C-alpha atoms as a PDB file:
ATOM      1  CA  UNK A   1       0.007   0.245  -0.256  1.00  0.00           C
ATOM      2  CA  UNK A   2       1.247   3.264  -1.060  1.00  0.00           C
ATOM      3  CA  UNK A   3       0.181   6.993  -1.329  1.00  0.00           C
ATOM      4  CA  UNK A   4       1.632   8.956  -4.062  1.00  0.00           C
ATOM      5  CA  UNK A   5       1.776  12.515  -4.827  1.00  0.00           C
ATOM      6  CA  UNK A   6       4.045  15.000  -6.258  1.00  0.00           C
ATOM      7  CA  UNK A   7       3.900  17.205  -3.244  1.00  0.00           C
ATOM      8  CA  UNK A   8       5.144  14.328  -0.605  1.00  0.00           C
ATOM      9  CA  UNK A   9       9.016  13.872  -0.288  1.00  0.00           C
ATOM     10  CA  UNK A  10       8.613  10.160   0.744  1.00  0.00           C
ATOM     11  CA  UNK A  11       6.286   7.686   1.335  1.00  0.00           C
ATOM     12  CA  UNK A  12       4.880   7.787   4.880  1.00  0.00           C
ATOM     13  CA  UNK A  13       2.443   4.824   5.037  1.00  0.00           C
ATOM     14  CA  UNK A  14       4.521   1.966   6.527  1.00  0.00           C
ATOM     15  CA  UNK A  15       5.803   4.694   9.136  1.00  0.00           C
ATOM     16  CA  UNK A  16       2.070   5.361   9.956  1.00  0.00           C
ATOM     17  CA  UNK A  17       1.183   1.625   9.772  1.00  0.00           C
ATOM     18  CA  UNK A  18       3.736   0.923  12.189  1.00  0.00           C
ATOM     19  CA  UNK A  19       1.563   2.639  15.088  1.00  0.00           C
ATOM     20  CA  UNK A  20      -1.951   0.800  15.690  1.00  0.00           C
ATOM     21  CA  UNK A  21      -3.734   3.729  16.674  1.00  0.00           C
ATOM     22  CA  UNK A  22      -2.349   5.894  13.649  1.00  0.00           C
ATOM     23  CA  UNK A  23      -3.249   3.079  11.199  1.00  0.00           C
ATOM     24  CA  UNK A  24      -6.476   3.058  12.579  1.00  0.00           C
ATOM     25  CA  UNK A  25      -7.051   6.930  12.128  1.00  0.00           C
ATOM     26  CA  UNK A  26      -5.810   6.802   8.559  1.00  0.00           C
ATOM     27  CA  UNK A  27      -8.034   4.073   7.674  1.00  0.00           C
ATOM     28  CA  UNK A  28     -10.940   6.269   9.323  1.00  0.00           C
ATOM     29  CA  UNK A  29      -9.892   9.620   7.705  1.00  0.00           C
ATOM     30  CA  UNK A  30      -9.165   7.840   4.154  1.00  0.00           C
ATOM     31  CA  UNK A  31     -11.849   4.929   3.770  1.00  0.00           C
ATOM     32  CA  UNK A  32     -10.308   4.028   0.219  1.00  0.00           C
ATOM     33  CA  UNK A  33      -7.413   2.745   2.087  1.00  0.00           C
ATOM     34  CA  UNK A  34      -9.117   0.202   3.685  1.00  0.00           C
ATOM     35  CA  UNK A  35      -9.485  -2.102   0.245  1.00  0.00           C
ATOM     36  CA  UNK A  36      -5.640  -1.589   0.182  1.00  0.00           C
ATOM     37  CA  UNK A  37      -4.727  -2.272   3.936  1.00  0.00           C
ATOM     38  CA  UNK A  38      -2.717  -5.383   4.957  1.00  0.00           C
ATOM     39  CA  UNK A  39      -4.520  -5.107   8.521  1.00  0.00           C
ATOM     40  CA  UNK A  40      -7.856  -4.661   7.946  1.00  0.00           C
ATOM     41  CA  UNK A  41      -8.864  -4.996  11.589  1.00  0.00           C
ATOM     42  CA  UNK A  42      -6.595  -2.288  13.122  1.00  0.00           C
ATOM     43  CA  UNK A  43      -9.306  -0.924  15.661  1.00  0.00           C
ATOM     44  CA  UNK A  44      -7.382  -0.263  19.301  1.00  0.00           C
ATOM     45  CA  UNK A  45     -10.631   0.560  20.637  1.00  0.00           C
ATOM     46  CA  UNK A  46      -9.862  -0.736  24.146  1.00  0.00           C
ATOM     47  CA  UNK A  47      -6.944   1.313  24.365  1.00  0.00           C
ATOM     48  CA  UNK A  48      -8.786   4.314  23.198  1.00  0.00           C
ATOM     49  CA  UNK A  49     -11.714   3.952  25.590  1.00  0.00           C
ATOM     50  CA  UNK A  50      -9.475   3.442  28.522  1.00  0.00           C
ATOM     51  CA  UNK A  51      -8.410   6.939  27.843  1.00  0.00           C
ATOM     52  CA  UNK A  52     -11.450   8.675  29.235  1.00  0.00           C
ATOM     53  CA  UNK A  53     -13.838   7.450  31.757  1.00  0.00           C
ATOM     54  CA  UNK A  54     -16.617  10.080  32.758  1.00  0.00           C
ATOM     55  CA  UNK A  55     -16.495  10.822  36.355  1.00  0.00           C
ATOM     56  CA  UNK A  56     -18.615  13.437  38.649  1.00  0.00           C
ATOM     57  CA  UNK A  57     -15.922  15.925  37.747  1.00  0.00           C
ATOM     58  CA  UNK A  58     -16.889  15.374  33.945  1.00  0.00           C
ATOM     59  CA  UNK A  59     -20.472  16.104  34.760  1.00  0.00           C
ATOM     60  CA  UNK A  60     -19.880  19.237  36.726  1.00  0.00           C
ATOM     61  CA  UNK A  61     -17.503  20.759  34.389  1.00  0.00           C
ATOM     62  CA  UNK A  62     -19.626  19.092  31.350  1.00  0.00           C
ATOM     63  CA  UNK A  63     -18.129  21.604  28.747  1.00  0.00           C
ATOM     64  CA  UNK A  64     -14.527  21.712  29.658  1.00  0.00           C
ATOM     65  CA  UNK A  65     -11.740  20.495  27.116  1.00  0.00           C
ATOM     66  CA  UNK A  66      -9.985  17.860  28.605  1.00  0.00           C
ATOM     67  CA  UNK A  67     -12.376  17.200  31.262  1.00  0.00           C
ATOM     68  CA  UNK A  68     -15.985  17.378  30.462  1.00  0.00           C
ATOM     69  CA  UNK A  69     -18.641  14.758  28.842  1.00  0.00           C
ATOM     70  CA  UNK A  70     -18.939  16.945  25.962  1.00  0.00           C
ATOM     71  CA  UNK A  71     -15.127  17.114  25.094  1.00  0.00           C
ATOM     72  CA  UNK A  72     -15.314  13.173  25.897  1.00  0.00           C
ATOM     73  CA  UNK A  73     -18.017  12.449  23.656  1.00  0.00           C
ATOM     74  CA  UNK A  74     -16.422  14.410  20.506  1.00  0.00           C
ATOM     75  CA  UNK A  75     -13.093  13.136  21.505  1.00  0.00           C
ATOM     76  CA  UNK A  76     -14.478   9.334  21.172  1.00  0.00           C
ATOM     77  CA  UNK A  77     -16.781  10.096  18.231  1.00  0.00           C
ATOM     78  CA  UNK A  78     -13.746  11.603  16.392  1.00  0.00           C
ATOM     79  CA  UNK A  79     -11.649   8.350  17.369  1.00  0.00           C
ATOM     80  CA  UNK A  80     -14.097   6.337  15.427  1.00  0.00           C
ATOM     81  CA  UNK A  81     -16.584   5.484  18.217  1.00  0.00           C
ATOM     82  CA  UNK A  82     -20.503   5.558  17.476  1.00  0.00           C
ATOM     83  CA  UNK A  83     -23.808   5.387  19.046  1.00  0.00           C
ATOM     84  CA  UNK A  84     -23.588   1.509  19.017  1.00  0.00           C
ATOM     85  CA  UNK A  85     -21.041   1.616  21.909  1.00  0.00           C
ATOM     86  CA  UNK A  86     -22.452   1.875  25.278  1.00  0.00           C
ATOM     87  CA  UNK A  87     -20.144   4.428  26.899  1.00  0.00           C
ATOM     88  CA  UNK A  88     -20.954   6.958  24.170  1.00  0.00           C
ATOM     89  CA  UNK A  89     -24.761   6.502  23.680  1.00  0.00           C
ATOM     90  CA  UNK A  90     -24.607   6.735  27.674  1.00  0.00           C
ATOM     91  CA  UNK A  91     -22.723  10.057  27.248  1.00  0.00           C
ATOM     92  CA  UNK A  92     -24.597  10.997  24.511  1.00  0.00           C
ATOM     93  CA  UNK A  93     -27.791  11.123  26.521  1.00  0.00           C
ATOM     94  CA  UNK A  94     -26.478  13.054  29.111  1.00  0.00           C
ATOM     95  CA  UNK A  95     -25.347  15.656  26.666  1.00  0.00           C
ATOM     96  CA  UNK A  96     -28.797  16.066  25.505  1.00  0.00           C
ATOM     97  CA  UNK A  97     -29.910  17.229  28.646  1.00  0.00           C
ATOM     98  CA  UNK A  98     -28.082  20.310  27.897  1.00  0.00           C
ATOM     99  CA  UNK A  99     -30.014  20.898  24.365  1.00  0.00           C
ATOM    100  CA  UNK A 100     -32.270  23.828  25.059  1.00  0.00           C
ATOM    101  CA  UNK A 101     -36.115  24.225  24.216  1.00  0.00           C
ATOM    102  CA  UNK A 102     -34.882  26.314  20.913  1.00  0.00           C
ATOM    103  CA  UNK A 103     -32.500  23.554  19.940  1.00  0.00           C
ATOM    104  CA  UNK A 104     -29.303  25.087  20.584  1.00  0.00           C
ATOM    105  CA  UNK A 105     -26.891  23.585  23.271  1.00  0.00           C
ATOM    106  CA  UNK A 106     -25.441  25.824  26.299  1.00  0.00           C
ATOM    107  CA  UNK A 107     -22.190  26.111  27.782  1.00  0.00           C
ATOM    108  CA  UNK A 108     -21.990  25.825  31.367  1.00  0.00           C
ATOM    109  CA  UNK A 109     -23.300  29.352  32.173  1.00  0.00           C
ATOM    110  CA  UNK A 110     -25.894  29.973  34.937  1.00  0.00           C
ATOM    111  CA  UNK A 111     -28.470  30.496  33.601  1.00  0.00           C
ATOM    112  CA  UNK A 112     -28.329  28.289  30.656  1.00  0.00           C
ATOM    113  CA  UNK A 113     -28.296  30.110  27.168  1.00  0.00           C
ATOM    114  CA  UNK A 114     -27.860  28.345  23.744  1.00  0.00           C
ATOM    115  CA  UNK A 115     -24.509  29.200  22.484  1.00  0.00           C
ATOM    116  CA  UNK A 116     -23.576  28.873  18.762  1.00  0.00           C
ATOM    117  CA  UNK A 117     -20.090  27.553  19.020  1.00  0.00           C
ATOM    118  CA  UNK A 118     -21.019  24.506  21.000  1.00  0.00           C
ATOM    119  CA  UNK A 119     -24.002  23.970  19.261  1.00  0.00           C
ATOM    120  CA  UNK A 120     -22.214  23.602  16.065  1.00  0.00           C
ATOM    121  CA  UNK A 121     -19.472  21.302  17.682  1.00  0.00           C
ATOM    122  CA  UNK A 122     -22.110  19.025  19.312  1.00  0.00           C
ATOM    123  CA  UNK A 123     -24.487  18.807  16.114  1.00  0.00           C
ATOM    124  CA  UNK A 124     -21.151  17.815  14.217  1.00  0.00           C
ATOM    125  CA  UNK A 125     -20.292  15.158  16.741  1.00  0.00           C
ATOM    126  CA  UNK A 126     -23.781  13.861  16.769  1.00  0.00           C
ATOM    127  CA  UNK A 127     -23.828  13.508  12.929  1.00  0.00           C
ATOM    128  CA  UNK A 128     -20.319  11.949  13.074  1.00  0.00           C
ATOM    129  CA  UNK A 129     -21.706   9.389  15.664  1.00  0.00           C
ATOM    130  CA  UNK A 130     -24.532   8.154  13.716  1.00  0.00           C
ATOM    131  CA  UNK A 131     -27.208   9.535  16.078  1.00  0.00           C
ATOM    132  CA  UNK A 132     -30.499  10.056  14.027  1.00  0.00           C
ATOM    133  CA  UNK A 133     -32.935  11.385  16.877  1.00  0.00           C
ATOM    134  CA  UNK A 134     -35.317  14.329  16.550  1.00  0.00           C
ATOM    135  CA  UNK A 135     -32.842  16.484  18.728  1.00  0.00           C
ATOM    136  CA  UNK A 136     -30.378  16.453  15.618  1.00  0.00           C
ATOM    137  CA  UNK A 137     -32.637  17.953  13.537  1.00  0.00           C
ATOM    138  CA  UNK A 138     -33.564  20.722  16.152  1.00  0.00           C
ATOM    139  CA  UNK A 139     -29.981  21.341  16.437  1.00  0.00           C
ATOM    140  CA  UNK A 140     -29.549  21.851  12.692  1.00  0.00           C
ATOM    141  CA  UNK A 141     -32.703  23.783  12.551  1.00  0.00           C
ATOM    142  CA  UNK A 142     -31.042  26.256  15.225  1.00  0.00           C
ATOM    143  CA  UNK A 143     -27.748  26.823  13.229  1.00  0.00           C
ATOM    144  CA  UNK A 144     -29.746  27.341  10.086  1.00  0.00           C
ATOM    145  CA  UNK A 145     -32.174  30.026  11.683  1.00  0.00           C
ATOM    146  CA  UNK A 146     -29.447  31.765  13.844  1.00  0.00           C
ATOM    147  CA  UNK A 147     -26.981  32.698  10.717  1.00  0.00           C
ATOM    148  CA  UNK A 148     -26.463  36.262  10.805  1.00  0.00           C
ATOM    149  CA  UNK A 149     -26.719  38.891   7.958  1.00  0.00           C
ATOM    150  CA  UNK A 150     -22.478  38.666   7.715  1.00  0.00           C
ATOM    151  CA  UNK A 151     -22.888  34.968   6.882  1.00  0.00           C
ATOM    152  CA  UNK A 152     -21.367  33.730  10.237  1.00  0.00           C
ATOM    153  CA  UNK A 153     -22.827  33.050  13.796  1.00  0.00           C
ATOM    154  CA  UNK A 154     -22.332  34.911  17.346  1.00  0.00           C
ATOM    155  CA  UNK A 155     -24.915  34.098  19.610  1.00  0.00           C
ATOM    156  CA  UNK A 156     -22.961  34.314  22.856  1.00  0.00           C
ATOM    157  CA  UNK A 157     -23.267  35.378  26.384  1.00  0.00           C
ATOM    158  CA  UNK A 158     -19.523  36.941  26.407  1.00  0.00           C
ATOM    159  CA  UNK A 159     -19.686  40.254  24.785  1.00  0.00           C
ATOM    160  CA  UNK A 160     -17.181  42.075  27.164  1.00  0.00           C
ATOM    161  CA  UNK A 161     -14.195  41.769  29.546  1.00  0.00           C
ATOM    162  CA  UNK A 162     -16.855  42.103  32.294  1.00  0.00           C
ATOM    163  CA  UNK A 163     -18.766  39.326  31.063  1.00  0.00           C
ATOM    164  CA  UNK A 164     -15.991  37.086  30.894  1.00  0.00           C
ATOM    165  CA  UNK A 165     -14.982  38.046  34.609  1.00  0.00           C
ATOM    166  CA  UNK A 166     -18.467  36.896  35.401  1.00  0.00           C
ATOM    167  CA  UNK A 167     -17.910  33.649  33.547  1.00  0.00           C
ATOM    168  CA  UNK A 168     -14.540  32.719  34.916  1.00  0.00           C
ATOM    169  CA  UNK A 169     -15.489  33.572  38.346  1.00  0.00           C
ATOM    170  CA  UNK A 170     -19.086  32.903  38.916  1.00  0.00           C
ATOM    171  CA  UNK A 171     -20.108  31.165  35.842  1.00  0.00           C
ATOM    172  CA  UNK A 172     -22.550  33.842  35.069  1.00  0.00           C
ATOM    173  CA  UNK A 173     -24.428  34.469  31.901  1.00  0.00           C
ATOM    174  CA  UNK A 174     -23.264  37.758  30.545  1.00  0.00           C
ATOM    175  CA  UNK A 175     -25.083  40.345  28.375  1.00  0.00           C
ATOM    176  CA  UNK A 176     -23.521  39.294  24.838  1.00  0.00           C
ATOM    177  CA  UNK A 177     -26.545  38.102  23.465  1.00  0.00           C
ATOM    178  CA  UNK A 178     -27.752  41.818  23.002  1.00  0.00           C
ATOM    179  CA  UNK A 179     -25.084  42.147  20.231  1.00  0.00           C
ATOM    180  CA  UNK A 180     -26.635  39.224  17.839  1.00  0.00           C
ATOM    181  CA  UNK A 181     -28.831  41.708  16.065  1.00  0.00           C
ATOM    182  CA  UNK A 182     -26.226  44.321  15.622  1.00  0.00           C
ATOM    183  CA  UNK A 183     -23.146  45.044  13.338  1.00  0.00           C
ATOM    184  CA  UNK A 184     -20.837  43.490  15.578  1.00  0.00           C
ATOM    185  CA  UNK A 185     -18.766  40.936  13.912  1.00  0.00           C
ATOM    186  CA  UNK A 186     -19.719  37.189  13.812  1.00  0.00           C
ATOM    187  CA  UNK A 187     -17.560  35.012  16.116  1.00  0.00           C
ATOM    188  CA  UNK A 188     -15.040  33.132  13.517  1.00  0.00           C
ATOM    189  CA  UNK A 189     -14.896  29.737  15.773  1.00  0.00           C
ATOM    190  CA  UNK A 190     -18.821  29.700  16.245  1.00  0.00           C
ATOM    191  CA  UNK A 191     -18.844  29.907  12.536  1.00  0.00           C
ATOM    192  CA  UNK A 192     -16.468  27.365  11.820  1.00  0.00           C
ATOM    193  CA  UNK A 193     -18.187  24.947  14.134  1.00  0.00           C
ATOM    194  CA  UNK A 194     -21.845  25.520  12.513  1.00  0.00           C
ATOM    195  CA  UNK A 195     -20.224  25.234   8.945  1.00  0.00           C
ATOM    196  CA  UNK A 196     -18.498  22.048   9.807  1.00  0.00           C
ATOM    197  CA  UNK A 197     -22.135  20.475  10.925  1.00  0.00           C
ATOM    198  CA  UNK A 198     -23.589  21.910   7.687  1.00  0.00           C
ATOM    199  CA  UNK A 199     -21.039  20.143   5.726  1.00  0.00           C
ATOM    200  CA  UNK A 200     -21.448  16.887   7.290  1.00  0.00           C
ATOM    201  CA  UNK A 201     -25.050  17.182   6.772  1.00  0.00           C
ATOM    202  CA  UNK A 202     -24.410  16.958   3.131  1.00  0.00           C
ATOM    203  CA  UNK A 203     -27.489  17.693   0.899  1.00  0.00           C
ATOM    204  CA  UNK A 204     -29.757  17.721   3.530  1.00  0.00           C
ATOM    205  CA  UNK A 205     -29.316  21.418   3.813  1.00  0.00           C
ATOM    206  CA  UNK A 206     -29.029  24.628   2.111  1.00  0.00           C
ATOM    207  CA  UNK A 207     -26.132  24.999   0.240  1.00  0.00           C
ATOM    208  CA  UNK A 208     -26.380  28.744   0.170  1.00  0.00           C
ATOM    209  CA  UNK A 209     -26.179  28.871   4.093  1.00  0.00           C
ATOM    210  CA  UNK A 210     -22.850  27.309   3.854  1.00  0.00           C
ATOM    211  CA  UNK A 211     -21.405  29.297   1.121  1.00  0.00           C
ATOM    212  CA  UNK A 212     -22.316  32.315   2.901  1.00  0.00           C
ATOM    213  CA  UNK A 213     -20.633  30.928   6.281  1.00  0.00           C
ATOM    214  CA  UNK A 214     -17.575  30.124   4.241  1.00  0.00           C
ATOM    215  CA  UNK A 215     -17.643  33.540   2.605  1.00  0.00           C
ATOM    216  CA  UNK A 216     -17.457  35.360   5.923  1.00  0.00           C
ATOM    217  CA  UNK A 217     -14.746  33.146   7.122  1.00  0.00           C
ATOM    218  CA  UNK A 218     -12.530  34.206   4.232  1.00  0.00           C
ATOM    219  CA  UNK A 219     -13.420  37.633   4.257  1.00  0.00           C
ATOM    220  CA  UNK A 220     -10.689  39.970   5.705  1.00  0.00           C
ATOM    221  CA  UNK A 221      -9.146  36.855   7.060  1.00  0.00           C
ATOM    222  CA  UNK A 222     -11.819  36.329   9.607  1.00  0.00           C
ATOM    223  CA  UNK A 223     -11.256  32.786  10.138  1.00  0.00           C
ATOM    224  CA  UNK A 224      -7.573  33.286  10.971  1.00  0.00           C
ATOM    225  CA  UNK A 225      -8.026  36.527  13.067  1.00  0.00           C
ATOM    226  CA  UNK A 226     -10.867  34.837  15.139  1.00  0.00           C
ATOM    227  CA  UNK A 227     -12.907  37.883  14.388  1.00  0.00           C
ATOM    228  CA  UNK A 228     -16.045  38.293  16.569  1.00  0.00           C
ATOM    229  CA  UNK A 229     -14.534  35.876  19.636  1.00  0.00           C
ATOM    230  CA  UNK A 230     -14.817  37.231  22.816  1.00  0.00           C
ATOM    231  CA  UNK A 231     -14.377  34.085  24.838  1.00  0.00           C
ATOM    232  CA  UNK A 232     -10.369  33.461  24.575  1.00  0.00           C
ATOM    233  CA  UNK A 233      -7.018  35.012  23.634  1.00  0.00           C
ATOM    234  CA  UNK A 234      -6.954  33.934  19.766  1.00  0.00           C
ATOM    235  CA  UNK A 235      -5.030  30.761  18.484  1.00  0.00           C
ATOM    236  CA  UNK A 236      -2.742  30.899  15.790  1.00  0.00           C
ATOM    237  CA  UNK A 237      -4.781  28.796  13.232  1.00  0.00           C
ATOM    238  CA  UNK A 238      -2.152  28.375  10.530  1.00  0.00           C
ATOM    239  CA  UNK A 239      -0.161  25.797  13.048  1.00  0.00           C
ATOM    240  CA  UNK A 240      -0.273  21.935  12.232  1.00  0.00           C
ATOM    241  CA  UNK A 241      -2.115  19.558  14.386  1.00  0.00           C
ATOM    242  CA  UNK A 242      -4.837  17.484  15.073  1.00  0.00           C
ATOM    243  CA  UNK A 243      -7.599  20.050  16.290  1.00  0.00           C
ATOM    244  CA  UNK A 244     -11.113  18.976  16.299  1.00  0.00           C
ATOM    245  CA  UNK A 245     -13.153  20.273  19.675  1.00  0.00           C
ATOM    246  CA  UNK A 246     -13.784  24.101  19.042  1.00  0.00           C
ATOM    247  CA  UNK A 247     -10.909  24.573  17.244  1.00  0.00           C
ATOM    248  CA  UNK A 248      -9.371  24.304  13.693  1.00  0.00           C
ATOM    249  CA  UNK A 249      -6.249  25.008  11.382  1.00  0.00           C
ATOM    250  CA  UNK A 250      -5.448  25.781   7.706  1.00  0.00           C
ATOM    251  CA  UNK A 251      -6.225  22.126   6.874  1.00  0.00           C
ATOM    252  CA  UNK A 252     -10.007  23.005   7.572  1.00  0.00           C
ATOM    253  CA  UNK A 253      -9.461  26.091   5.705  1.00  0.00           C
ATOM    254  CA  UNK A 254      -8.364  24.379   2.521  1.00  0.00           C
ATOM    255  CA  UNK A 255     -11.525  21.977   2.740  1.00  0.00           C
ATOM    256  CA  UNK A 256     -13.843  24.871   3.238  1.00  0.00           C
ATOM    257  CA  UNK A 257     -12.420  26.752   0.294  1.00  0.00           C
ATOM    258  CA  UNK A 258     -13.245  24.073  -2.099  1.00  0.00           C
ATOM    259  CA  UNK A 259     -17.118  24.777  -1.304  1.00  0.00           C
ATOM    260  CA  UNK A 260     -16.380  28.285  -3.031  1.00  0.00           C
ATOM    261  CA  UNK A 261     -14.775  27.239  -6.188  1.00  0.00           C
ATOM    262  CA  UNK A 262     -12.577  29.422  -8.031  1.00  0.00           C
ATOM    263  CA  UNK A 263     -13.541  32.417  -5.994  1.00  0.00           C
ATOM    264  CA  UNK A 264     -10.638  31.401  -2.956  1.00  0.00           C
ATOM    265  CA  UNK A 265      -8.157  29.815  -5.455  1.00  0.00           C
ATOM    266  CA  UNK A 266      -5.454  32.506  -4.344  1.00  0.00           C
ATOM    267  CA  UNK A 267      -6.105  31.584  -0.847  1.00  0.00           C
ATOM    268  CA  UNK A 268      -6.125  28.128  -1.164  1.00  0.00           C
ATOM    269  CA  UNK A 269      -3.195  28.056  -2.915  1.00  0.00           C
ATOM    270  CA  UNK A 270      -1.397  30.104  -0.485  1.00  0.00           C
ATOM    271  CA  UNK A 271      -2.495  28.032   2.206  1.00  0.00           C
ATOM    272  CA  UNK A 272      -1.554  24.494   0.681  1.00  0.00           C
ATOM    273  CA  UNK A 273       1.680  25.637  -0.220  1.00  0.00           C
ATOM    274  CA  UNK A 274       2.450  26.963   3.070  1.00  0.00           C
ATOM    275  CA  UNK A 275       1.402  23.711   4.594  1.00  0.00           C
ATOM    276  CA  UNK A 276       3.607  21.621   2.349  1.00  0.00           C
ATOM    277  CA  UNK A 277       6.338  23.394   2.946  1.00  0.00           C
ATOM    278  CA  UNK A 278       6.483  22.518   6.381  1.00  0.00           C
ATOM    279  CA  UNK A 279       7.011  18.505   5.800  1.00  0.00           C
ATOM    280  CA  UNK A 280      10.482  17.119   6.506  1.00  0.00           C
ATOM    281  CA  UNK A 281      12.461  15.206   3.962  1.00  0.00           C
ATOM    282  CA  UNK A 282      10.903  11.671   4.337  1.00  0.00           C
ATOM    283  CA  UNK A 283       7.296  13.187   3.795  1.00  0.00           C
ATOM    284  CA  UNK A 284       6.166  13.567   7.318  1.00  0.00           C
ATOM    285  CA  UNK A 285       4.733  16.708   9.357  1.00  0.00           C
ATOM    286  CA  UNK A 286       5.834  18.357  12.309  1.00  0.00           C
ATOM    287  CA  UNK A 287       3.422  18.912  15.461  1.00  0.00           C
ATOM    288  CA  UNK A 288       2.945  22.617  15.844  1.00  0.00           C
ATOM    289  CA  UNK A 289       0.686  22.985  18.802  1.00  0.00           C
ATOM    290  CA  UNK A 290      -0.925  20.895  21.541  1.00  0.00           C
ATOM    291  CA  UNK A 291      -4.064  22.998  22.357  1.00  0.00           C
ATOM    292  CA  UNK A 292      -6.592  21.633  24.359  1.00  0.00           C
ATOM    293  CA  UNK A 293      -9.201  20.727  21.555  1.00  0.00           C
ATOM    294  CA  UNK A 294      -6.629  18.587  19.922  1.00  0.00           C
ATOM    295  CA  UNK A 295      -6.695  14.626  19.461  1.00  0.00           C
ATOM    296  CA  UNK A 296      -3.109  14.885  21.086  1.00  0.00           C
ATOM    297  CA  UNK A 297      -4.530  15.467  24.243  1.00  0.00           C
ATOM    298  CA  UNK A 298      -7.073  12.653  24.229  1.00  0.00           C
ATOM    299  CA  UNK A 299      -4.891   9.965  23.268  1.00  0.00           C
ATOM    300  CA  UNK A 300      -2.213  11.374  25.674  1.00  0.00           C
ATOM    301  CA  UNK A 301       0.459  11.374  23.125  1.00  0.00           C
ATOM    302  CA  UNK A 302       3.768  12.622  24.177  1.00  0.00           C
ATOM    303  CA  UNK A 303       4.946  14.140  20.900  1.00  0.00           C
ATOM    304  CA  UNK A 304       7.471  17.024  20.898  1.00  0.00           C
ATOM    305  CA  UNK A 305       6.459  20.235  19.235  1.00  0.00           C
ATOM    306  CA  UNK A 306       7.953  20.806  15.660  1.00  0.00           C
ATOM    307  CA  UNK A 307       9.076  17.062  15.603  1.00  0.00           C
ATOM    308  CA  UNK A 308       7.854  14.778  13.208  1.00  0.00           C
ATOM    309  CA  UNK A 309       4.043  13.626  14.107  1.00  0.00           C
ATOM    310  CA  UNK A 310       1.865  11.013  13.122  1.00  0.00           C
ATOM    311  CA  UNK A 311      -1.357  12.766  13.732  1.00  0.00           C
ATOM    312  CA  UNK A 312      -0.552  15.722  11.986  1.00  0.00           C
ATOM    313  CA  UNK A 313       0.993  13.943   8.927  1.00  0.00           C
ATOM    314  CA  UNK A 314      -2.467  11.839   8.839  1.00  0.00           C
ATOM    315  CA  UNK A 315      -4.234  14.993   8.297  1.00  0.00           C
ATOM    316  CA  UNK A 316      -2.064  16.289   5.601  1.00  0.00           C
ATOM    317  CA  UNK A 317      -2.065  12.960   3.793  1.00  0.00           C
ATOM    318  CA  UNK A 318      -5.884  12.758   3.992  1.00  0.00           C
ATOM    319  CA  UNK A 319      -6.092  16.177   2.660  1.00  0.00           C
ATOM    320  CA  UNK A 320      -4.136  15.604  -0.341  1.00  0.00           C
ATOM    321  CA  UNK A 321      -6.049  12.509  -0.977  1.00  0.00           C
ATOM    322  CA  UNK A 322      -9.508  14.487  -0.646  1.00  0.00           C
ATOM    323  CA  UNK A 323      -8.361  17.046  -2.711  1.00  0.00           C
ATOM    324  CA  UNK A 324      -7.307  14.849  -5.374  1.00  0.00           C
ATOM    325  CA  UNK A 325      -3.532  15.527  -5.124  1.00  0.00           C
ATOM    326  CA  UNK A 326      -2.675  12.330  -4.236  1.00  0.00           C
ATOM    327  CA  UNK A 327      -3.256   8.731  -5.342  1.00  0.00           C
ATOM    328  CA  UNK A 328      -3.591   5.169  -3.508  1.00  0.00           C
ATOM    329  CA  UNK A 329      -1.290   2.354  -5.269  1.00  0.00           C
END
């Protein structure tokens, strides 16, 4: 089994296949490889499941990356688990408790309030898990109905430094929702999460809704400046890794750009070339961040920053395959 591309300096498949978890994630992200794999049953589920077991703290801090059940559920689903797994299904039922009457999901505010970023994240993870309940349809409807005039999403209680302090100290819901129908820019993080959910829906959503969202992300580099986000210090989203929980990188941007065709070609080429130039001589790619919403944290991998990394390499290779820039032999 080989992956050939003029953009890769070497064949990394054997290096990836030598690690069971990496091979499993590679086959998950590139289904076409399963026909060529000499190790078709690579599924380290026992290892992965042992990494997370929800406890009281996971429910008390249900939205916290690295701790809460929302993060744990999204991590397991990203790892390949679905609703047929008892632990995943049990966590799913607990998470649905935090869906509000309007269909959105809430973070750990007091009182609860539907929030765009976590709604997009959880709807995406529910879709990925194979869940098909009515709650999913309510979540999608919330996303579609709360798209703003600029094409993005905001709907967040944090609208100021004071709101941030109230949340950090007392978990109090701020007054940020008042900005929903103003000219305050939409939140890039929330828009990415909602756009990912819409992409996952495929033909079941309005294509115009998705295109407007992606157009907002690329307008004035909003996606990389984290425009509109008041909840945290902005990340550098051009760094490579394996983000998935309320986080993203330039590989996500490349996938988004394909939805807009030629109108984003110049940006797509820049991001693509910037990504490819980072590879090592053997065709592997470096880990450039270990933020809290990344797969490295969930798998407890001890990868060294700026060194060759299997998970980062998997994301780049799968991007090359999915964009037609690599072939399987």
